[in-house]
């Protein structure tokens, strides 16, 4: 799905799926991932929080929130999100890497180049 129209169709489909089953953390996660790809980051954060509310152990969502917050220079929140992602899945090296980036950025008052990558299951 590389075209904006395809993302919009996916967002529509995920929202319809949530109309049928609003208790699926995975659908919220997928919707959030797609919203990130379209640049709708504030809405993605809201949707990701709903996914976490339903299933707190979704480490990918915590990692993705860290990516969003780092890009927005909300470094304390990014650090907390990456730390939780690491606690839930210590084997995912990108969370460790991005935690280090956020800690260095926070200490130095700089931020890494804007890079938001969605980690999907």
PDB file of N, CA and C in Angstrom:
ATOM      1  N   UNK A   1       0.827  -1.168   0.000  1.00  0.00           N
ATOM      2  CA  UNK A   1       0.000   0.000   0.000  1.00  0.00           C
ATOM      3  C   UNK A   1       0.880   1.244   0.000  1.00  0.00           C
ATOM      4  N   UNK A   2       1.211   1.755  -1.148  1.00  0.00           N
ATOM      5  CA  UNK A   2       2.102   2.899  -1.222  1.00  0.00           C
ATOM      6  C   UNK A   2       1.382   4.185  -1.569  1.00  0.00           C
ATOM      7  N   UNK A   3       0.206   4.122  -2.104  1.00  0.00           N
ATOM      8  CA  UNK A   3      -0.502   5.322  -2.532  1.00  0.00           C
ATOM      9  C   UNK A   3      -1.441   5.819  -1.442  1.00  0.00           C
ATOM     10  N   UNK A   4      -1.571   7.160  -1.375  1.00  0.00           N
ATOM     11  CA  UNK A   4      -2.416   7.757  -0.335  1.00  0.00           C
ATOM     12  C   UNK A   4      -3.838   7.227  -0.385  1.00  0.00           C
ATOM     13  N   UNK A   5      -4.391   7.042  -1.576  1.00  0.00           N
ATOM     14  CA  UNK A   5      -5.740   6.511  -1.703  1.00  0.00           C
ATOM     15  C   UNK A   5      -5.883   5.138  -1.083  1.00  0.00           C
ATOM     16  N   UNK A   6      -4.844   4.346  -1.203  1.00  0.00           N
ATOM     17  CA  UNK A   6      -4.874   3.008  -0.597  1.00  0.00           C
ATOM     18  C   UNK A   6      -4.833   3.096   0.919  1.00  0.00           C
ATOM     19  N   UNK A   7      -4.066   4.032   1.457  1.00  0.00           N
ATOM     20  CA  UNK A   7      -4.049   4.227   2.912  1.00  0.00           C
ATOM     21  C   UNK A   7      -5.415   4.681   3.396  1.00  0.00           C
ATOM     22  N   UNK A   8      -6.037   5.583   2.653  1.00  0.00           N
ATOM     23  CA  UNK A   8      -7.364   6.057   3.039  1.00  0.00           C
ATOM     24  C   UNK A   8      -8.379   4.908   3.039  1.00  0.00           C
ATOM     25  N   UNK A   9      -8.273   4.030   2.063  1.00  0.00           N
ATOM     26  CA  UNK A   9      -9.153   2.855   2.038  1.00  0.00           C
ATOM     27  C   UNK A   9      -8.880   1.955   3.240  1.00  0.00           C
ATOM     28  N   UNK A  10      -7.615   1.792   3.567  1.00  0.00           N
ATOM     29  CA  UNK A  10      -7.256   0.956   4.724  1.00  0.00           C
ATOM     30  C   UNK A  10      -7.805   1.574   6.009  1.00  0.00           C
ATOM     31  N   UNK A  11      -7.654   2.886   6.160  1.00  0.00           N
ATOM     32  CA  UNK A  11      -8.170   3.562   7.354  1.00  0.00           C
ATOM     33  C   UNK A  11      -9.675   3.366   7.447  1.00  0.00           C
ATOM     34  N   UNK A  12     -10.363   3.537   6.328  1.00  0.00           N
ATOM     35  CA  UNK A  12     -11.813   3.332   6.303  1.00  0.00           C
ATOM     36  C   UNK A  12     -12.160   1.899   6.725  1.00  0.00           C
ATOM     37  N   UNK A  13     -11.416   0.934   6.193  1.00  0.00           N
ATOM     38  CA  UNK A  13     -11.677  -0.482   6.503  1.00  0.00           C
ATOM     39  C   UNK A  13     -11.423  -0.785   7.976  1.00  0.00           C
ATOM     40  N   UNK A  14     -10.341  -0.243   8.527  1.00  0.00           N
ATOM     41  CA  UNK A  14     -10.062  -0.469   9.944  1.00  0.00           C
ATOM     42  C   UNK A  14     -11.159   0.141  10.817  1.00  0.00           C
ATOM     43  N   UNK A  15     -11.621   1.319  10.443  1.00  0.00           N
ATOM     44  CA  UNK A  15     -12.698   1.950  11.225  1.00  0.00           C
ATOM     45  C   UNK A  15     -13.987   1.125  11.148  1.00  0.00           C
ATOM     46  N   UNK A  16     -14.283   0.572   9.981  1.00  0.00           N
ATOM     47  CA  UNK A  16     -15.458  -0.297   9.837  1.00  0.00           C
ATOM     48  C   UNK A  16     -15.283  -1.550  10.687  1.00  0.00           C
ATOM     49  N   UNK A  17     -14.095  -2.113  10.682  1.00  0.00           N
ATOM     50  CA  UNK A  17     -13.824  -3.297  11.499  1.00  0.00           C
ATOM     51  C   UNK A  17     -14.015  -2.981  12.978  1.00  0.00           C
ATOM     52  N   UNK A  18     -13.619  -1.782  13.397  1.00  0.00           N
ATOM     53  CA  UNK A  18     -13.799  -1.389  14.799  1.00  0.00           C
ATOM     54  C   UNK A  18     -15.268  -1.170  15.132  1.00  0.00           C
ATOM     55  N   UNK A  19     -16.061  -0.797  14.129  1.00  0.00           N
ATOM     56  CA  UNK A  19     -17.508  -0.705  14.353  1.00  0.00           C
ATOM     57  C   UNK A  19     -18.082  -2.078  14.707  1.00  0.00           C
ATOM     58  N   UNK A  20     -17.486  -3.105  14.137  1.00  0.00           N
ATOM     59  CA  UNK A  20     -17.940  -4.483  14.379  1.00  0.00           C
ATOM     60  C   UNK A  20     -17.342  -5.031  15.673  1.00  0.00           C
ATOM     61  N   UNK A  21     -16.048  -4.767  15.899  1.00  0.00           N
ATOM     62  CA  UNK A  21     -15.360  -5.292  17.081  1.00  0.00           C
ATOM     63  C   UNK A  21     -14.446  -4.217  17.652  1.00  0.00           C
ATOM     64  N   UNK A  22     -14.954  -3.438  18.571  1.00  0.00           N
ATOM     65  CA  UNK A  22     -14.166  -2.351  19.156  1.00  0.00           C
ATOM     66  C   UNK A  22     -13.251  -2.830  20.282  1.00  0.00           C
ATOM     67  N   UNK A  23     -13.210  -4.135  20.495  1.00  0.00           N
ATOM     68  CA  UNK A  23     -12.353  -4.672  21.556  1.00  0.00           C
ATOM     69  C   UNK A  23     -11.065  -5.281  21.010  1.00  0.00           C
ATOM     70  N   UNK A  24     -10.768  -5.057  19.736  1.00  0.00           N
ATOM     71  CA  UNK A  24      -9.572  -5.637  19.128  1.00  0.00           C
ATOM     72  C   UNK A  24      -8.403  -4.654  19.159  1.00  0.00           C
ATOM     73  N   UNK A  25      -7.468  -4.917  20.049  1.00  0.00           N
ATOM     74  CA  UNK A  25      -6.275  -4.072  20.138  1.00  0.00           C
ATOM     75  C   UNK A  25      -5.478  -4.109  18.836  1.00  0.00           C
ATOM     76  N   UNK A  26      -5.479  -5.247  18.179  1.00  0.00           N
ATOM     77  CA  UNK A  26      -4.725  -5.391  16.936  1.00  0.00           C
ATOM     78  C   UNK A  26      -5.277  -4.499  15.832  1.00  0.00           C
ATOM     79  N   UNK A  27      -6.586  -4.339  15.773  1.00  0.00           N
ATOM     80  CA  UNK A  27      -7.158  -3.444  14.759  1.00  0.00           C
ATOM     81  C   UNK A  27      -6.770  -2.006  15.072  1.00  0.00           C
ATOM     82  N   UNK A  28      -6.826  -1.619  16.338  1.00  0.00           N
ATOM     83  CA  UNK A  28      -6.391  -0.271  16.708  1.00  0.00           C
ATOM     84  C   UNK A  28      -4.914  -0.070  16.353  1.00  0.00           C
ATOM     85  N   UNK A  29      -4.104  -1.085  16.605  1.00  0.00           N
ATOM     86  CA  UNK A  29      -2.684  -0.989  16.265  1.00  0.00           C
ATOM     87  C   UNK A  29      -2.503  -0.793  14.763  1.00  0.00           C
ATOM     88  N   UNK A  30      -3.194  -1.578  13.968  1.00  0.00           N
ATOM     89  CA  UNK A  30      -3.074  -1.462  12.509  1.00  0.00           C
ATOM     90  C   UNK A  30      -3.569  -0.106  12.019  1.00  0.00           C
ATOM     91  N   UNK A  31      -4.653   0.379  12.602  1.00  0.00           N
ATOM     92  CA  UNK A  31      -5.153   1.705  12.253  1.00  0.00           C
ATOM     93  C   UNK A  31      -4.110   2.761  12.609  1.00  0.00           C
ATOM     94  N   UNK A  32      -3.540   2.659  13.784  1.00  0.00           N
ATOM     95  CA  UNK A  32      -2.492   3.604  14.188  1.00  0.00           C
ATOM     96  C   UNK A  32      -1.302   3.571  13.251  1.00  0.00           C
ATOM     97  N   UNK A  33      -0.874   2.378  12.862  1.00  0.00           N
ATOM     98  CA  UNK A  33       0.256   2.241  11.935  1.00  0.00           C
ATOM     99  C   UNK A  33      -0.029   2.953  10.616  1.00  0.00           C
ATOM    100  N   UNK A  34      -1.258   2.793  10.131  1.00  0.00           N
ATOM    101  CA  UNK A  34      -1.631   3.410   8.858  1.00  0.00           C
ATOM    102  C   UNK A  34      -1.740   4.922   9.011  1.00  0.00           C
ATOM    103  N   UNK A  35      -2.260   5.380  10.124  1.00  0.00           N
ATOM    104  CA  UNK A  35      -2.337   6.825  10.362  1.00  0.00           C
ATOM    105  C   UNK A  35      -0.938   7.450  10.389  1.00  0.00           C
ATOM    106  N   UNK A  36       0.027   6.750  10.969  1.00  0.00           N
ATOM    107  CA  UNK A  36       1.407   7.238  10.972  1.00  0.00           C
ATOM    108  C   UNK A  36       1.897   7.390   9.533  1.00  0.00           C
ATOM    109  N   UNK A  37       1.610   6.406   8.709  1.00  0.00           N
ATOM    110  CA  UNK A  37       2.065   6.445   7.313  1.00  0.00           C
ATOM    111  C   UNK A  37       1.459   7.601   6.534  1.00  0.00           C
ATOM    112  N   UNK A  38       0.296   8.086   6.964  1.00  0.00           N
ATOM    113  CA  UNK A  38      -0.324   9.222   6.282  1.00  0.00           C
ATOM    114  C   UNK A  38       0.013  10.547   6.964  1.00  0.00           C
ATOM    115  N   UNK A  39       0.813  10.496   8.021  1.00  0.00           N
ATOM    116  CA  UNK A  39       1.231  11.705   8.706  1.00  0.00           C
ATOM    117  C   UNK A  39       0.253  12.219   9.743  1.00  0.00           C
ATOM    118  N   UNK A  40      -0.777  11.454  10.046  1.00  0.00           N
ATOM    119  CA  UNK A  40      -1.779  11.865  11.037  1.00  0.00           C
ATOM    120  C   UNK A  40      -1.328  11.393  12.423  1.00  0.00           C
ATOM    121  N   UNK A  41      -0.264  12.017  12.904  1.00  0.00           N
ATOM    122  CA  UNK A  41       0.408  11.531  14.108  1.00  0.00           C
ATOM    123  C   UNK A  41      -0.405  11.740  15.376  1.00  0.00           C
ATOM    124  N   UNK A  42      -1.065  12.874  15.514  1.00  0.00           N
ATOM    125  CA  UNK A  42      -1.854  13.099  16.728  1.00  0.00           C
ATOM    126  C   UNK A  42      -2.982  12.083  16.843  1.00  0.00           C
ATOM    127  N   UNK A  43      -3.627  11.796  15.719  1.00  0.00           N
ATOM    128  CA  UNK A  43      -4.690  10.784  15.746  1.00  0.00           C
ATOM    129  C   UNK A  43      -4.115   9.395  16.001  1.00  0.00           C
ATOM    130  N   UNK A  44      -2.935   9.126  15.439  1.00  0.00           N
ATOM    131  CA  UNK A  44      -2.289   7.830  15.667  1.00  0.00           C
ATOM    132  C   UNK A  44      -2.008   7.625  17.158  1.00  0.00           C
ATOM    133  N   UNK A  45      -1.566   8.672  17.842  1.00  0.00           N
ATOM    134  CA  UNK A  45      -1.292   8.571  19.279  1.00  0.00           C
ATOM    135  C   UNK A  45      -2.568   8.196  20.035  1.00  0.00           C
ATOM    136  N   UNK A  46      -3.667   8.824  19.691  1.00  0.00           N
ATOM    137  CA  UNK A  46      -4.944   8.517  20.350  1.00  0.00           C
ATOM    138  C   UNK A  46      -5.327   7.061  20.124  1.00  0.00           C
ATOM    139  N   UNK A  47      -5.188   6.615  18.889  1.00  0.00           N
ATOM    140  CA  UNK A  47      -5.554   5.237  18.531  1.00  0.00           C
ATOM    141  C   UNK A  47      -4.610   4.242  19.208  1.00  0.00           C
ATOM    142  N   UNK A  48      -3.316   4.553  19.228  1.00  0.00           N
ATOM    143  CA  UNK A  48      -2.359   3.673  19.906  1.00  0.00           C
ATOM    144  C   UNK A  48      -2.683   3.561  21.401  1.00  0.00           C
ATOM    145  N   UNK A  49      -3.084   4.662  22.019  1.00  0.00           N
ATOM    146  CA  UNK A  49      -3.449   4.594  23.436  1.00  0.00           C
ATOM    147  C   UNK A  49      -4.643   3.669  23.659  1.00  0.00           C
ATOM    148  N   UNK A  50      -5.575   3.669  22.735  1.00  0.00           N
ATOM    149  CA  UNK A  50      -6.717   2.754  22.850  1.00  0.00           C
ATOM    150  C   UNK A  50      -6.233   1.304  22.745  1.00  0.00           C
ATOM    151  N   UNK A  51      -5.302   1.038  21.836  1.00  0.00           N
ATOM    152  CA  UNK A  51      -4.743  -0.314  21.705  1.00  0.00           C
ATOM    153  C   UNK A  51      -4.081  -0.748  23.006  1.00  0.00           C
ATOM    154  N   UNK A  52      -3.318   0.153  23.615  1.00  0.00           N
ATOM    155  CA  UNK A  52      -2.633  -0.156  24.873  1.00  0.00           C
ATOM    156  C   UNK A  52      -3.631  -0.352  26.006  1.00  0.00           C
ATOM    157  N   UNK A  53      -4.686   0.433  25.998  1.00  0.00           N
ATOM    158  CA  UNK A  53      -5.727   0.276  27.015  1.00  0.00           C
ATOM    159  C   UNK A  53      -6.312  -1.137  26.964  1.00  0.00           C
ATOM    160  N   UNK A  54      -6.489  -1.645  25.753  1.00  0.00           N
ATOM    161  CA  UNK A  54      -7.062  -2.978  25.575  1.00  0.00           C
ATOM    162  C   UNK A  54      -6.042  -4.089  25.793  1.00  0.00           C
ATOM    163  N   UNK A  55      -4.798  -3.835  25.410  1.00  0.00           N
ATOM    164  CA  UNK A  55      -3.755  -4.858  25.528  1.00  0.00           C
ATOM    165  C   UNK A  55      -2.417  -4.176  25.841  1.00  0.00           C
ATOM    166  N   UNK A  56      -2.132  -3.953  27.115  1.00  0.00           N
ATOM    167  CA  UNK A  56      -0.933  -3.210  27.518  1.00  0.00           C
ATOM    168  C   UNK A  56       0.392  -3.834  27.082  1.00  0.00           C
ATOM    169  N   UNK A  57       0.391  -5.091  26.733  1.00  0.00           N
ATOM    170  CA  UNK A  57       1.636  -5.783  26.384  1.00  0.00           C
ATOM    171  C   UNK A  57       2.042  -5.627  24.922  1.00  0.00           C
ATOM    172  N   UNK A  58       1.375  -4.790  24.158  1.00  0.00           N
ATOM    173  CA  UNK A  58       1.740  -4.588  22.743  1.00  0.00           C
ATOM    174  C   UNK A  58       3.000  -3.728  22.651  1.00  0.00           C
ATOM    175  N   UNK A  59       4.141  -4.382  22.720  1.00  0.00           N
ATOM    176  CA  UNK A  59       5.412  -3.660  22.738  1.00  0.00           C
ATOM    177  C   UNK A  59       5.621  -2.823  21.479  1.00  0.00           C
ATOM    178  N   UNK A  60       5.120  -3.293  20.340  1.00  0.00           N
ATOM    179  CA  UNK A  60       5.295  -2.545  19.091  1.00  0.00           C
ATOM    180  C   UNK A  60       4.636  -1.177  19.187  1.00  0.00           C
ATOM    181  N   UNK A  61       3.489  -1.117  19.844  1.00  0.00           N
ATOM    182  CA  UNK A  61       2.771   0.151  19.982  1.00  0.00           C
ATOM    183  C   UNK A  61       3.574   1.111  20.853  1.00  0.00           C
ATOM    184  N   UNK A  62       4.137   0.607  21.938  1.00  0.00           N
ATOM    185  CA  UNK A  62       4.970   1.456  22.794  1.00  0.00           C
ATOM    186  C   UNK A  62       6.174   1.978  22.006  1.00  0.00           C
ATOM    187  N   UNK A  63       6.777   1.092  21.223  1.00  0.00           N
ATOM    188  CA  UNK A  63       7.920   1.500  20.393  1.00  0.00           C
ATOM    189  C   UNK A  63       7.500   2.584  19.400  1.00  0.00           C
ATOM    190  N   UNK A  64       6.373   2.376  18.730  1.00  0.00           N
ATOM    191  CA  UNK A  64       5.910   3.343  17.734  1.00  0.00           C
ATOM    192  C   UNK A  64       5.566   4.684  18.369  1.00  0.00           C
ATOM    193  N   UNK A  65       4.991   4.664  19.569  1.00  0.00           N
ATOM    194  CA  UNK A  65       4.747   5.918  20.290  1.00  0.00           C
ATOM    195  C   UNK A  65       6.071   6.625  20.568  1.00  0.00           C
ATOM    196  N   UNK A  66       7.085   5.864  20.951  1.00  0.00           N
ATOM    197  CA  UNK A  66       8.410   6.461  21.161  1.00  0.00           C
ATOM    198  C   UNK A  66       8.917   7.141  19.903  1.00  0.00           C
ATOM    199  N   UNK A  67       8.728   6.498  18.751  1.00  0.00           N
ATOM    200  CA  UNK A  67       9.162   7.106  17.489  1.00  0.00           C
ATOM    201  C   UNK A  67       8.423   8.411  17.215  1.00  0.00           C
ATOM    202  N   UNK A  68       7.121   8.396  17.422  1.00  0.00           N
ATOM    203  CA  UNK A  68       6.336   9.615  17.192  1.00  0.00           C
ATOM    204  C   UNK A  68       6.818  10.725  18.121  1.00  0.00           C
ATOM    205  N   UNK A  69       6.916  10.414  19.409  1.00  0.00           N
ATOM    206  CA  UNK A  69       7.280  11.433  20.384  1.00  0.00           C
ATOM    207  C   UNK A  69       8.696  11.942  20.191  1.00  0.00           C
ATOM    208  N   UNK A  70       9.596  11.061  19.783  1.00  0.00           N
ATOM    209  CA  UNK A  70      10.951  11.538  19.510  1.00  0.00           C
ATOM    210  C   UNK A  70      10.917  12.539  18.360  1.00  0.00           C
ATOM    211  N   UNK A  71      10.182  12.208  17.324  1.00  0.00           N
ATOM    212  CA  UNK A  71      10.062  13.109  16.176  1.00  0.00           C
ATOM    213  C   UNK A  71       9.438  14.445  16.532  1.00  0.00           C
ATOM    214  N   UNK A  72       8.617  14.455  17.565  1.00  0.00           N
ATOM    215  CA  UNK A  72       7.974  15.686  18.031  1.00  0.00           C
ATOM    216  C   UNK A  72       8.786  16.372  19.132  1.00  0.00           C
ATOM    217  N   UNK A  73       9.971  15.846  19.403  1.00  0.00           N
ATOM    218  CA  UNK A  73      10.869  16.352  20.434  1.00  0.00           C
ATOM    219  C   UNK A  73      10.269  16.266  21.836  1.00  0.00           C
ATOM    220  N   UNK A  74       9.371  15.329  22.031  1.00  0.00           N
ATOM    221  CA  UNK A  74       8.809  15.047  23.359  1.00  0.00           C
ATOM    222  C   UNK A  74       9.653  13.907  23.940  1.00  0.00           C
ATOM    223  N   UNK A  75      10.883  14.258  24.285  1.00  0.00           N
ATOM    224  CA  UNK A  75      11.896  13.235  24.571  1.00  0.00           C
ATOM    225  C   UNK A  75      11.641  12.464  25.857  1.00  0.00           C
ATOM    226  N   UNK A  76      11.114  13.101  26.883  1.00  0.00           N
ATOM    227  CA  UNK A  76      10.814  12.359  28.118  1.00  0.00           C
ATOM    228  C   UNK A  76       9.780  11.271  27.844  1.00  0.00           C
ATOM    229  N   UNK A  77       8.770  11.607  27.053  1.00  0.00           N
ATOM    230  CA  UNK A  77       7.747  10.618  26.713  1.00  0.00           C
ATOM    231  C   UNK A  77       8.322   9.529  25.817  1.00  0.00           C
ATOM    232  N   UNK A  78       9.201   9.906  24.896  1.00  0.00           N
ATOM    233  CA  UNK A  78       9.837   8.917  24.024  1.00  0.00           C
ATOM    234  C   UNK A  78      10.668   7.933  24.849  1.00  0.00           C
ATOM    235  N   UNK A  79      11.442   8.458  25.786  1.00  0.00           N
ATOM    236  CA  UNK A  79      12.275   7.601  26.644  1.00  0.00           C
ATOM    237  C   UNK A  79      11.395   6.619  27.411  1.00  0.00           C
ATOM    238  N   UNK A  80      10.319   7.099  27.992  1.00  0.00           N
ATOM    239  CA  UNK A  80       9.426   6.215  28.758  1.00  0.00           C
ATOM    240  C   UNK A  80       8.819   5.147  27.858  1.00  0.00           C
ATOM    241  N   UNK A  81       8.425   5.524  26.657  1.00  0.00           N
ATOM    242  CA  UNK A  81       7.818   4.554  25.734  1.00  0.00           C
ATOM    243  C   UNK A  81       8.826   3.485  25.314  1.00  0.00           C
ATOM    244  N   UNK A  82      10.040   3.903  24.973  1.00  0.00           N
ATOM    245  CA  UNK A  82      11.059   2.917  24.579  1.00  0.00           C
ATOM    246  C   UNK A  82      11.420   1.996  25.750  1.00  0.00           C
ATOM    247  N   UNK A  83      11.489   2.550  26.940  1.00  0.00           N
ATOM    248  CA  UNK A  83      11.808   1.706  28.102  1.00  0.00           C
ATOM    249  C   UNK A  83      10.734   0.649  28.330  1.00  0.00           C
ATOM    250  N   UNK A  84       9.491   1.030  28.148  1.00  0.00           N
ATOM    251  CA  UNK A  84       8.417   0.050  28.312  1.00  0.00           C
ATOM    252  C   UNK A  84       8.457  -0.982  27.185  1.00  0.00           C
ATOM    253  N   UNK A  85       8.732  -0.546  25.966  1.00  0.00           N
ATOM    254  CA  UNK A  85       8.857  -1.488  24.849  1.00  0.00           C
ATOM    255  C   UNK A  85       9.965  -2.504  25.126  1.00  0.00           C
ATOM    256  N   UNK A  86      11.077  -2.024  25.679  1.00  0.00           N
ATOM    257  CA  UNK A  86      12.204  -2.917  26.009  1.00  0.00           C
ATOM    258  C   UNK A  86      11.822  -3.882  27.126  1.00  0.00           C
ATOM    259  N   UNK A  87      11.106  -3.380  28.113  1.00  0.00           N
ATOM    260  CA  UNK A  87      10.660  -4.258  29.205  1.00  0.00           C
ATOM    261  C   UNK A  87       9.785  -5.388  28.660  1.00  0.00           C
ATOM    262  N   UNK A  88       8.922  -5.057  27.698  1.00  0.00           N
ATOM    263  CA  UNK A  88       8.004  -6.048  27.130  1.00  0.00           C
ATOM    264  C   UNK A  88       8.667  -6.968  26.113  1.00  0.00           C
ATOM    265  N   UNK A  89       9.677  -6.455  25.405  1.00  0.00           N
ATOM    266  CA  UNK A  89      10.389  -7.270  24.417  1.00  0.00           C
ATOM    267  C   UNK A  89      11.849  -6.827  24.375  1.00  0.00           C
ATOM    268  N   UNK A  90      12.659  -7.361  25.270  1.00  0.00           N
ATOM    269  CA  UNK A  90      14.062  -6.943  25.336  1.00  0.00           C
ATOM    270  C   UNK A  90      14.897  -7.360  24.127  1.00  0.00           C
ATOM    271  N   UNK A  91      14.378  -8.220  23.282  1.00  0.00           N
ATOM    272  CA  UNK A  91      15.136  -8.693  22.128  1.00  0.00           C
ATOM    273  C   UNK A  91      15.026  -7.787  20.903  1.00  0.00           C
ATOM    274  N   UNK A  92      14.140  -6.799  20.935  1.00  0.00           N
ATOM    275  CA  UNK A  92      13.972  -5.923  19.774  1.00  0.00           C
ATOM    276  C   UNK A  92      15.000  -4.799  19.856  1.00  0.00           C
ATOM    277  N   UNK A  93      16.064  -4.921  19.057  1.00  0.00           N
ATOM    278  CA  UNK A  93      17.215  -4.019  19.179  1.00  0.00           C
ATOM    279  C   UNK A  93      16.895  -2.569  18.834  1.00  0.00           C
ATOM    280  N   UNK A  94      15.937  -2.330  17.970  1.00  0.00           N
ATOM    281  CA  UNK A  94      15.626  -0.946  17.595  1.00  0.00           C
ATOM    282  C   UNK A  94      15.103  -0.137  18.773  1.00  0.00           C
ATOM    283  N   UNK A  95      14.421  -0.764  19.699  1.00  0.00           N
ATOM    284  CA  UNK A  95      13.972  -0.025  20.882  1.00  0.00           C
ATOM    285  C   UNK A  95      15.163   0.424  21.711  1.00  0.00           C
ATOM    286  N   UNK A  96      16.171  -0.438  21.837  1.00  0.00           N
ATOM    287  CA  UNK A  96      17.387  -0.076  22.565  1.00  0.00           C
ATOM    288  C   UNK A  96      18.098   1.076  21.854  1.00  0.00           C
ATOM    289  N   UNK A  97      18.238   0.939  20.541  1.00  0.00           N
ATOM    290  CA  UNK A  97      18.904   1.966  19.741  1.00  0.00           C
ATOM    291  C   UNK A  97      18.185   3.311  19.867  1.00  0.00           C
ATOM    292  N   UNK A  98      16.882   3.287  19.713  1.00  0.00           N
ATOM    293  CA  UNK A  98      16.118   4.534  19.739  1.00  0.00           C
ATOM    294  C   UNK A  98      16.067   5.139  21.143  1.00  0.00           C
ATOM    295  N   UNK A  99      16.075   4.284  22.166  1.00  0.00           N
ATOM    296  CA  UNK A  99      16.177   4.785  23.536  1.00  0.00           C
ATOM    297  C   UNK A  99      17.482   5.557  23.697  1.00  0.00           C
ATOM    298  N   UNK A 100      18.568   4.976  23.216  1.00  0.00           N
ATOM    299  CA  UNK A 100      19.861   5.663  23.286  1.00  0.00           C
ATOM    300  C   UNK A 100      19.840   6.990  22.553  1.00  0.00           C
ATOM    301  N   UNK A 101      19.237   7.011  21.357  1.00  0.00           N
ATOM    302  CA  UNK A 101      19.111   8.267  20.605  1.00  0.00           C
ATOM    303  C   UNK A 101      18.333   9.308  21.397  1.00  0.00           C
ATOM    304  N   UNK A 102      17.225   8.886  21.998  1.00  0.00           N
ATOM    305  CA  UNK A 102      16.397   9.827  22.752  1.00  0.00           C
ATOM    306  C   UNK A 102      17.121  10.348  23.989  1.00  0.00           C
ATOM    307  N   UNK A 103      17.832   9.468  24.679  1.00  0.00           N
ATOM    308  CA  UNK A 103      18.582   9.896  25.867  1.00  0.00           C
ATOM    309  C   UNK A 103      19.683  10.892  25.483  1.00  0.00           C
ATOM    310  N   UNK A 104      20.398  10.611  24.406  1.00  0.00           N
ATOM    311  CA  UNK A 104      21.438  11.534  23.949  1.00  0.00           C
ATOM    312  C   UNK A 104      20.836  12.859  23.503  1.00  0.00           C
ATOM    313  N   UNK A 105      19.746  12.793  22.788  1.00  0.00           N
ATOM    314  CA  UNK A 105      19.087  14.021  22.327  1.00  0.00           C
ATOM    315  C   UNK A 105      18.622  14.857  23.504  1.00  0.00           C
ATOM    316  N   UNK A 106      18.068  14.195  24.497  1.00  0.00           N
ATOM    317  CA  UNK A 106      17.585  14.901  25.682  1.00  0.00           C
ATOM    318  C   UNK A 106      18.743  15.571  26.410  1.00  0.00           C
ATOM    319  N   UNK A 107      19.841  14.844  26.532  1.00  0.00           N
ATOM    320  CA  UNK A 107      21.011  15.391  27.235  1.00  0.00           C
ATOM    321  C   UNK A 107      21.649  16.537  26.465  1.00  0.00           C
ATOM    322  N   UNK A 108      21.734  16.387  25.149  1.00  0.00           N
ATOM    323  CA  UNK A 108      22.439  17.364  24.325  1.00  0.00           C
ATOM    324  C   UNK A 108      21.540  18.449  23.751  1.00  0.00           C
ATOM    325  N   UNK A 109      20.233  18.323  23.963  1.00  0.00           N
ATOM    326  CA  UNK A 109      19.330  19.310  23.411  1.00  0.00           C
ATOM    327  C   UNK A 109      19.205  19.232  21.900  1.00  0.00           C
ATOM    328  N   UNK A 110      19.628  18.122  21.331  1.00  0.00           N
ATOM    329  CA  UNK A 110      19.512  17.910  19.887  1.00  0.00           C
ATOM    330  C   UNK A 110      18.596  16.739  19.637  1.00  0.00           C
ATOM    331  N   UNK A 111      18.115  16.691  18.430  1.00  0.00           N
ATOM    332  CA  UNK A 111      17.310  15.530  18.069  1.00  0.00           C
ATOM    333  C   UNK A 111      17.867  14.913  16.802  1.00  0.00           C
ATOM    334  N   UNK A 112      17.632  13.630  16.660  1.00  0.00           N
ATOM    335  CA  UNK A 112      18.104  12.917  15.473  1.00  0.00           C
ATOM    336  C   UNK A 112      17.285  13.366  14.269  1.00  0.00           C
ATOM    337  N   UNK A 113      17.716  13.047  13.087  1.00  0.00           N
ATOM    338  CA  UNK A 113      16.904  13.371  11.917  1.00  0.00           C
ATOM    339  C   UNK A 113      15.527  12.735  12.051  1.00  0.00           C
ATOM    340  N   UNK A 114      14.522  13.472  11.607  1.00  0.00           N
ATOM    341  CA  UNK A 114      13.142  12.991  11.743  1.00  0.00           C
ATOM    342  C   UNK A 114      12.976  11.687  10.979  1.00  0.00           C
ATOM    343  N   UNK A 115      12.649  10.640  11.711  1.00  0.00           N
ATOM    344  CA  UNK A 115      12.502   9.324  11.115  1.00  0.00           C
ATOM    345  C   UNK A 115      11.432   8.588  11.893  1.00  0.00           C
ATOM    346  N   UNK A 116      10.339   8.343  11.234  1.00  0.00           N
ATOM    347  CA  UNK A 116       9.274   7.592  11.889  1.00  0.00           C
ATOM    348  C   UNK A 116       9.075   6.310  11.098  1.00  0.00           C
ATOM    349  N   UNK A 117       9.386   5.199  11.738  1.00  0.00           N
ATOM    350  CA  UNK A 117       9.205   3.907  11.114  1.00  0.00           C
ATOM    351  C   UNK A 117       8.216   3.119  11.931  1.00  0.00           C
ATOM    352  N   UNK A 118       7.248   2.584  11.275  1.00  0.00           N
ATOM    353  CA  UNK A 118       6.221   1.803  11.973  1.00  0.00           C
ATOM    354  C   UNK A 118       6.677   0.362  12.046  1.00  0.00           C
ATOM    355  N   UNK A 119       6.656  -0.180  13.233  1.00  0.00           N
ATOM    356  CA  UNK A 119       6.974  -1.593  13.455  1.00  0.00           C
ATOM    357  C   UNK A 119       5.672  -2.335  13.595  1.00  0.00           C
ATOM    358  N   UNK A 120       5.340  -3.131  12.621  1.00  0.00           N
ATOM    359  CA  UNK A 120       4.085  -3.902  12.657  1.00  0.00           C
ATOM    360  C   UNK A 120       4.378  -5.337  13.019  1.00  0.00           C
ATOM    361  N   UNK A 121       3.389  -5.969  13.610  1.00  0.00           N
ATOM    362  CA  UNK A 121       3.577  -7.384  13.965  1.00  0.00           C
ATOM    363  C   UNK A 121       3.373  -8.261  12.764  1.00  0.00           C
TER     364      UNK A 121
END
